[in-house]
């Protein structure tokens, strides 16, 4: 019997150790706290069931084995046992369903929000639009992907150039959609995981109680660079958040491109290199060689070296032959498209000496309307 008690003690220790090492992140919102408590409850319930069933099995195997002189009993049915093993699981499920239903209903209670932010998923980045404040921006992966030393950084593949900033103590409602494939906006510490589906708006909410930085990722397999689509949420006290909003509005006005400006070739190439690194490098590579069999090379391509109208059309409207080439006209401004086309026509030895002005992109858009 002492061996049996020792075995049960080892099982309990192993269960507790695995639960501690594989537990959820520390909750930072009331919703995440509720989910955490529900998870703990279910872990205890299922752990007790597991230990009870396994203990009964081991007891029967060890103390009622044939070598100890026990013979198998012959019986056909037992009404009491059959009622018990039907009623007990039913009662357990009902007991679990009550807090689970309460949590699910709370997750869907998005009304009475203090701030609404539209979140749009792209391959492979997020755009955040602060609807009431009238500005927005795109958040890109900031971790250097081609630097081997970056693997040792504490937040490898979980860094962005522009995080989502929200005030503490305020209910934030997110309106989620996507432009290409299904993405999923997931930040474990906030208790939020919601799919972003093209053509639909889904909503969710969170309320962060204390300042801090919270990280997540796209949790839907959205393409070859799925692993490079992180999420960073920074919660700041309301006063600091208001100062950040004011700075963002000023920056948005300063960065707004004048569509009538005439750019020089050098200006367009510099701006285009930035646009290319943020949007195109994943498929066409930094050297413009593409990925054979999947994404065509831009270096030496007839489109990037000769046919400028076709080059404008495919960047603006996407490719009918290759659906993986998106219509960047839905994501980038006229200036950004003009700049990246200019960069592509003069990088990697293409050296056409040609450039595209934003007015040409605006005219191309008008021609499609």
Protein backbone atom coordinates (compact mmCIF):
# COMPACT_ATOMS: atom_id res chain seq x y z
CA UNK A 1 0.00 0.00 0.00
CA UNK A 2 2.93 2.31 0.61
CA UNK A 3 3.99 1.87 -2.98
CA UNK A 4 0.53 2.87 -4.11
CA UNK A 5 0.61 6.05 -2.02
CA UNK A 6 4.05 6.88 -3.40
CA UNK A 7 2.80 6.38 -6.95
CA UNK A 8 -0.20 8.67 -6.35
CA UNK A 9 2.08 11.32 -4.83
CA UNK A 10 4.32 11.24 -7.90
CA UNK A 11 1.27 11.58 -10.19
CA UNK A 12 -0.01 14.59 -8.23
CA UNK A 13 3.41 16.26 -8.31
CA UNK A 14 3.75 15.68 -12.08
CA UNK A 15 0.30 17.12 -12.73
CA UNK A 16 1.00 20.23 -10.63
CA UNK A 17 4.43 20.74 -12.22
CA UNK A 18 3.08 20.51 -15.76
CA UNK A 19 0.23 22.91 -14.93
CA UNK A 20 2.68 25.47 -13.53
CA UNK A 21 5.04 25.28 -16.51
CA UNK A 22 2.31 25.33 -19.19
CA UNK A 23 -0.04 27.82 -17.60
CA UNK A 24 -1.51 30.94 -19.20
CA UNK A 25 0.22 34.31 -19.13
CA UNK A 26 -0.48 36.55 -16.17
CA UNK A 27 -3.79 38.32 -16.92
CA UNK A 28 -3.70 42.07 -17.47
CA UNK A 29 -7.44 42.67 -17.98
CA UNK A 30 -10.61 41.67 -16.11
CA UNK A 31 -11.59 39.48 -19.05
CA UNK A 32 -8.24 37.72 -19.04
CA UNK A 33 -8.56 37.23 -15.27
CA UNK A 34 -11.96 35.61 -15.75
CA UNK A 35 -10.55 33.33 -18.44
CA UNK A 36 -7.62 32.49 -16.20
CA UNK A 37 -9.91 31.49 -13.34
CA UNK A 38 -12.06 29.40 -15.68
CA UNK A 39 -8.95 27.69 -17.02
CA UNK A 40 -7.76 26.95 -13.48
CA UNK A 41 -11.17 25.54 -12.51
CA UNK A 42 -11.27 23.26 -15.55
CA UNK A 43 -7.69 22.16 -14.93
CA UNK A 44 -8.56 21.18 -11.35
CA UNK A 45 -11.75 19.36 -12.38
CA UNK A 46 -10.13 17.44 -15.23
CA UNK A 47 -7.05 16.77 -13.08
CA UNK A 48 -9.18 15.24 -10.32
CA UNK A 49 -11.05 13.10 -12.87
CA UNK A 50 -7.77 11.99 -14.44
CA UNK A 51 -6.23 11.04 -11.09
CA UNK A 52 -9.39 9.24 -9.92
CA UNK A 53 -9.73 7.16 -13.08
CA UNK A 54 -6.03 6.42 -13.35
CA UNK A 55 -5.84 5.59 -9.64
CA UNK A 56 -8.74 3.15 -9.91
CA UNK A 57 -7.14 1.52 -12.94
CA UNK A 58 -3.76 1.17 -11.24
CA UNK A 59 -5.34 -0.15 -8.06
CA UNK A 60 -7.21 -2.81 -10.01
CA UNK A 61 -4.13 -3.73 -12.05
CA UNK A 62 -1.80 -3.98 -9.06
CA UNK A 63 -4.00 -5.54 -6.37
CA UNK A 64 -6.39 -7.61 -8.46
CA UNK A 65 -3.95 -9.16 -10.89
CA UNK A 66 -4.13 -12.80 -11.79
CA UNK A 67 -0.65 -13.52 -10.36
CA UNK A 68 -1.92 -12.49 -6.91
CA UNK A 69 -4.60 -15.17 -7.10
CA UNK A 70 -7.58 -13.09 -8.18
CA UNK A 71 -10.04 -14.44 -10.73
CA UNK A 72 -12.11 -12.22 -13.01
CA UNK A 73 -15.75 -11.94 -11.92
CA UNK A 74 -18.48 -12.54 -14.49
CA UNK A 75 -21.35 -10.03 -14.53
CA UNK A 76 -23.60 -8.51 -17.19
CA UNK A 77 -25.08 -5.25 -15.91
CA UNK A 78 -25.49 -3.07 -12.86
CA UNK A 79 -28.27 -0.52 -12.85
CA UNK A 80 -26.78 1.59 -10.08
CA UNK A 81 -23.39 1.82 -11.81
CA UNK A 82 -24.94 2.70 -15.16
CA UNK A 83 -27.05 5.47 -13.61
CA UNK A 84 -24.03 6.77 -11.71
CA UNK A 85 -21.68 6.93 -14.70
CA UNK A 86 -24.36 8.76 -16.69
CA UNK A 87 -25.50 11.17 -13.99
CA UNK A 88 -22.10 12.15 -12.59
CA UNK A 89 -20.60 13.29 -15.97
CA UNK A 90 -23.84 15.16 -16.70
CA UNK A 91 -23.63 17.05 -13.42
CA UNK A 92 -19.94 17.81 -14.02
CA UNK A 93 -20.73 19.21 -17.48
CA UNK A 94 -23.52 21.39 -16.08
CA UNK A 95 -21.20 22.70 -13.37
CA UNK A 96 -18.59 23.54 -16.00
CA UNK A 97 -21.11 25.05 -18.43
CA UNK A 98 -22.33 27.73 -16.01
CA UNK A 99 -19.01 29.64 -15.58
CA UNK A 100 -18.01 28.89 -19.18
CA UNK A 101 -21.22 30.43 -20.53
CA UNK A 102 -20.77 33.45 -18.26
CA UNK A 103 -17.27 33.97 -19.65
CA UNK A 104 -18.30 33.58 -23.30
CA UNK A 105 -21.14 36.09 -22.88
CA UNK A 106 -18.75 38.56 -21.24
CA UNK A 107 -16.34 38.21 -24.17
CA UNK A 108 -19.10 39.28 -26.56
CA UNK A 109 -20.24 42.29 -24.51
CA UNK A 110 -18.57 44.99 -26.63
CA UNK A 111 -21.02 47.86 -26.05
CA UNK A 112 -20.38 50.90 -23.84
CA UNK A 113 -16.85 51.27 -25.16
CA UNK A 114 -14.69 54.34 -24.50
CA UNK A 115 -12.56 54.02 -27.65
CA UNK A 116 -13.02 52.19 -30.96
CA UNK A 117 -10.07 51.11 -33.09
CA UNK A 118 -10.35 49.48 -36.49
CA UNK A 119 -7.80 46.69 -37.00
CA UNK A 120 -7.04 45.48 -40.52
CA UNK A 121 -4.90 42.44 -41.23
CA UNK A 122 -2.63 42.30 -44.26
CA UNK A 123 -0.03 39.79 -45.35
CA UNK A 124 1.93 40.34 -43.09
CA UNK A 125 1.25 43.39 -40.98
CA UNK A 126 -1.52 45.16 -39.08
CA UNK A 127 -3.11 48.54 -39.65
CA UNK A 128 -4.69 50.44 -36.74
CA UNK A 129 -7.18 53.24 -37.38
CA UNK A 130 -8.26 55.38 -34.43
CA UNK A 131 -11.72 56.20 -35.71
CA UNK A 132 -12.64 58.98 -33.29
CA UNK A 133 -9.20 60.62 -33.43
CA UNK A 134 -8.95 60.55 -37.23
CA UNK A 135 -5.53 58.97 -37.76
CA UNK A 136 -4.05 55.54 -38.35
CA UNK A 137 -0.83 53.73 -39.13
CA UNK A 138 0.61 50.38 -40.17
CA UNK A 139 2.54 48.24 -37.69
CA UNK A 140 5.40 46.19 -39.17
CA UNK A 141 7.77 43.62 -37.73
CA UNK A 142 10.84 45.43 -36.37
CA UNK A 143 13.09 42.45 -35.59
CA UNK A 144 15.95 42.22 -38.14
CA UNK A 145 15.14 39.00 -40.00
CA UNK A 146 18.48 38.60 -41.77
CA UNK A 147 20.67 39.23 -38.71
CA UNK A 148 21.62 35.92 -36.97
CA UNK A 149 22.33 37.78 -33.73
CA UNK A 150 18.68 38.90 -33.59
CA UNK A 151 17.69 35.41 -32.44
CA UNK A 152 19.17 36.20 -29.03
CA UNK A 153 17.09 39.34 -28.55
CA UNK A 154 14.59 39.04 -25.67
CA UNK A 155 11.57 39.75 -27.91
CA UNK A 156 12.69 38.03 -31.09
CA UNK A 157 9.93 38.30 -33.74
CA UNK A 158 7.73 40.10 -31.21
CA UNK A 159 8.89 43.67 -31.94
CA UNK A 160 7.11 46.23 -34.11
CA UNK A 161 8.00 49.65 -35.39
CA UNK A 162 4.69 51.20 -34.25
CA UNK A 163 2.73 49.55 -31.44
CA UNK A 164 -0.96 49.93 -30.71
CA UNK A 165 -1.19 52.48 -27.89
CA UNK A 166 -4.26 52.59 -25.63
CA UNK A 167 -5.19 54.29 -22.34
CA UNK A 168 -5.47 52.34 -19.11
CA UNK A 169 -8.82 52.09 -17.37
CA UNK A 170 -10.76 52.52 -20.63
CA UNK A 171 -12.83 49.94 -22.49
CA UNK A 172 -11.31 49.49 -25.95
CA UNK A 173 -13.44 48.02 -28.71
CA UNK A 174 -11.68 46.54 -31.73
CA UNK A 175 -13.33 46.21 -35.14
CA UNK A 176 -11.38 43.55 -37.03
CA UNK A 177 -11.27 42.79 -40.73
CA UNK A 178 -8.71 41.72 -43.36
CA UNK A 179 -8.00 42.41 -47.00
CA UNK A 180 -6.50 39.14 -48.28
CA UNK A 181 -6.76 36.02 -46.11
CA UNK A 182 -8.00 35.22 -42.60
CA UNK A 183 -5.77 36.57 -39.84
CA UNK A 184 -6.27 36.35 -36.08
CA UNK A 185 -5.46 39.11 -33.58
CA UNK A 186 -4.24 37.39 -30.41
CA UNK A 187 -2.71 38.92 -27.27
CA UNK A 188 -2.81 36.28 -24.48
CA UNK A 189 -2.30 38.63 -21.53
CA UNK A 190 -5.32 40.68 -22.63
CA UNK A 191 -7.56 37.64 -23.04
CA UNK A 192 -8.27 38.58 -26.67
CA UNK A 193 -8.23 36.30 -29.69
CA UNK A 194 -10.44 37.23 -32.63
CA UNK A 195 -10.30 36.31 -36.31
CA UNK A 196 -10.02 39.05 -38.94
CA UNK A 197 -11.95 37.85 -42.00
CA UNK A 198 -11.96 39.55 -45.43
CA UNK A 199 -15.33 41.12 -46.18
CA UNK A 200 -16.54 40.96 -42.57
CA UNK A 201 -16.19 42.96 -39.38
CA UNK A 202 -15.75 41.07 -36.10
CA UNK A 203 -15.48 42.87 -32.81
CA UNK A 204 -13.91 42.23 -29.43
CA UNK A 205 -12.83 44.31 -26.44
CA UNK A 206 -10.39 44.68 -23.61
CA UNK A 207 -9.76 46.98 -20.65
CA UNK A 208 -6.18 47.19 -19.37
CA UNK A 209 -5.91 48.16 -15.73
CA UNK A 210 -2.19 48.86 -15.41
CA UNK A 211 0.43 50.40 -17.74
CA UNK A 212 2.66 48.00 -19.58
CA UNK A 213 3.61 46.38 -22.86
CA UNK A 214 1.76 43.29 -24.00
CA UNK A 215 2.77 41.13 -26.95
CA UNK A 216 1.01 38.69 -29.22
CA UNK A 217 0.95 37.32 -32.75
CA UNK A 218 -1.33 36.44 -35.61
CA UNK A 219 -2.58 32.99 -34.62
CA UNK A 220 -4.08 32.04 -37.99
CA UNK A 221 -1.86 30.36 -40.58
CA UNK A 222 -2.05 33.26 -43.03
CA UNK A 223 0.83 32.52 -45.43
CA UNK A 224 4.56 31.94 -45.74
CA UNK A 225 5.49 34.84 -43.45
CA UNK A 226 2.86 34.10 -40.82
CA UNK A 227 5.57 34.03 -38.14
CA UNK A 228 6.55 37.63 -38.91
CA UNK A 229 3.23 39.29 -38.00
CA UNK A 230 3.54 40.29 -34.33
CA UNK A 231 1.27 42.45 -32.21
CA UNK A 232 2.43 44.88 -29.53
CA UNK A 233 0.00 46.78 -27.30
CA UNK A 234 1.29 49.57 -25.07
CA UNK A 235 -1.03 50.74 -22.28
CA UNK A 236 -0.38 54.21 -20.89
CA UNK A 237 -2.09 56.36 -18.24
CA UNK A 238 -4.82 58.56 -19.77
CA UNK A 239 -2.79 61.78 -19.54
CA UNK A 240 0.20 60.27 -21.31
CA UNK A 241 -2.09 58.66 -23.87
CA UNK A 242 -3.66 62.04 -24.70
CA UNK A 243 -0.20 63.52 -25.25
CA UNK A 244 0.63 60.60 -27.54
CA UNK A 245 -2.58 61.17 -29.53
CA UNK A 246 -1.76 64.84 -30.01
CA UNK A 247 1.73 63.96 -31.23
CA UNK A 248 0.32 61.37 -33.63
CA UNK A 249 -2.11 63.85 -35.14
CA UNK A 250 0.68 66.33 -35.73
CA UNK A 251 2.89 63.64 -37.22
CA UNK A 252 0.08 62.46 -39.49
CA UNK A 253 -0.33 65.98 -40.85
CA UNK A 254 3.42 66.35 -41.34
CA UNK A 255 3.75 62.98 -43.07
CA UNK A 256 0.76 63.46 -45.34
CA UNK A 257 2.04 63.43 -48.89
CA UNK A 258 1.14 66.25 -51.21
CA UNK A 259 -0.22 64.41 -54.28
CA UNK A 260 0.75 67.36 -56.51
CA UNK A 261 4.41 67.38 -55.43
CA UNK A 262 6.94 66.59 -58.15
CA UNK A 263 9.60 64.29 -56.71
CA UNK A 264 13.17 63.86 -57.83
CA UNK A 265 14.52 60.45 -58.78
CA UNK A 266 16.70 60.32 -55.66
CA UNK A 267 13.77 61.18 -53.39
CA UNK A 268 11.58 58.52 -54.95
CA UNK A 269 14.28 55.87 -54.72
CA UNK A 270 14.89 56.60 -51.04
CA UNK A 271 11.18 56.50 -50.21
CA UNK A 272 10.67 53.46 -52.43
CA UNK A 273 13.40 51.47 -50.68
CA UNK A 274 11.52 51.97 -47.39
CA UNK A 275 8.17 50.95 -48.90
CA UNK A 276 9.75 47.90 -50.53
CA UNK A 277 11.38 46.71 -47.29
CA UNK A 278 8.08 46.98 -45.42
CA UNK A 279 5.79 45.42 -48.02
CA UNK A 280 7.56 43.57 -50.82
CA UNK A 281 10.76 42.04 -49.48
CA UNK A 282 9.04 39.00 -47.98
CA UNK A 283 8.10 37.64 -51.41
CA UNK A 284 10.57 39.23 -53.83
CA UNK A 285 13.57 39.18 -51.44
CA UNK A 286 15.97 41.99 -50.63
CA UNK A 287 18.02 41.25 -53.77
CA UNK A 288 14.99 41.27 -56.05
CA UNK A 289 15.49 37.63 -57.04
CA UNK A 290 12.12 36.44 -55.77
CA UNK A 291 11.45 32.80 -54.85
CA UNK A 292 11.62 30.48 -57.87
CA UNK A 293 8.32 28.76 -58.50
CA UNK A 294 6.39 31.06 -56.18
CA UNK A 295 7.29 34.72 -56.60
CA UNK A 296 8.95 36.11 -59.75
CA UNK A 297 12.25 37.94 -59.77
CA UNK A 298 12.14 41.72 -60.22
CA UNK A 299 15.81 42.05 -61.13
CA UNK A 300 16.03 42.00 -64.90
CA UNK A 301 12.29 41.41 -65.31
CA UNK A 302 10.71 42.74 -68.54
CA UNK A 303 8.05 44.49 -66.46
CA UNK A 304 10.51 46.33 -64.22
CA UNK A 305 12.92 47.21 -67.03
CA UNK A 306 10.67 47.97 -70.01
CA UNK A 307 6.88 47.96 -69.68
CA UNK A 308 6.18 50.80 -67.26
CA UNK A 309 2.36 50.86 -67.76
CA UNK A 310 2.20 47.14 -67.00
CA UNK A 311 4.42 47.69 -63.95
CA UNK A 312 2.06 50.36 -62.64
CA UNK A 313 -0.99 48.20 -63.32
CA UNK A 314 0.26 45.09 -61.53
CA UNK A 315 1.38 47.00 -58.43
CA UNK A 316 -1.81 49.04 -58.33
CA UNK A 317 -4.33 46.31 -59.16
CA UNK A 318 -2.60 43.02 -58.45
CA UNK A 319 -2.02 40.08 -60.76
CA UNK A 320 -4.79 38.02 -62.36
CA UNK A 321 -2.39 35.18 -63.17
CA UNK A 322 -0.80 35.09 -59.71
CA UNK A 323 -3.35 35.69 -56.92
CA UNK A 324 -0.57 35.93 -54.33
CA UNK A 325 0.27 39.36 -55.76
CA UNK A 326 -2.15 41.71 -53.92
CA UNK A 327 -3.63 44.94 -55.20
CA UNK A 328 -1.41 47.43 -53.40
CA UNK A 329 -3.68 50.26 -54.50
CA UNK A 330 -5.92 49.31 -51.59
CA UNK A 331 -3.09 49.61 -49.07
CA UNK A 332 -0.61 52.24 -50.27
CA UNK A 333 -0.94 55.88 -51.23
CA UNK A 334 -0.20 57.24 -54.71
CA UNK A 335 3.16 58.52 -53.51
CA UNK A 336 4.13 55.19 -51.95
CA UNK A 337 3.24 53.25 -55.09
CA UNK A 338 5.08 55.72 -57.31
CA UNK A 339 8.14 55.49 -55.05
CA UNK A 340 8.28 51.69 -54.89
CA UNK A 341 7.86 51.36 -58.66
CA UNK A 342 10.65 53.87 -59.17
CA UNK A 343 12.86 51.95 -56.75
CA UNK A 344 12.19 48.63 -58.48
CA UNK A 345 12.98 50.10 -61.89
CA UNK A 346 16.36 51.34 -60.71
CA UNK A 347 17.54 48.73 -58.17
CA UNK A 348 19.46 45.45 -58.59
CA UNK A 349 21.06 46.54 -61.84
CA UNK A 350 17.79 47.47 -63.59
CA UNK A 351 19.04 51.09 -63.84
CA UNK A 352 16.34 52.31 -66.22
CA UNK A 353 16.74 55.91 -65.07
CA UNK A 354 12.93 56.15 -65.17
CA UNK A 355 10.73 57.36 -62.36
CA UNK A 356 7.00 57.52 -61.69
CA UNK A 357 5.27 60.53 -60.19
CA UNK A 358 2.23 60.26 -57.86
CA UNK A 359 0.15 62.00 -60.49
CA UNK A 360 0.67 59.05 -62.84
CA UNK A 361 -0.66 56.67 -60.19
CA UNK A 362 -3.63 58.93 -59.55
CA UNK A 363 -4.39 58.93 -63.28
CA UNK A 364 -4.06 55.15 -63.41
CA UNK A 365 -6.52 54.82 -60.55
CA UNK A 366 -8.98 57.11 -62.32
CA UNK A 367 -8.67 55.02 -65.47
CA UNK A 368 -9.90 51.96 -63.57
CA UNK A 369 -12.91 53.69 -62.03
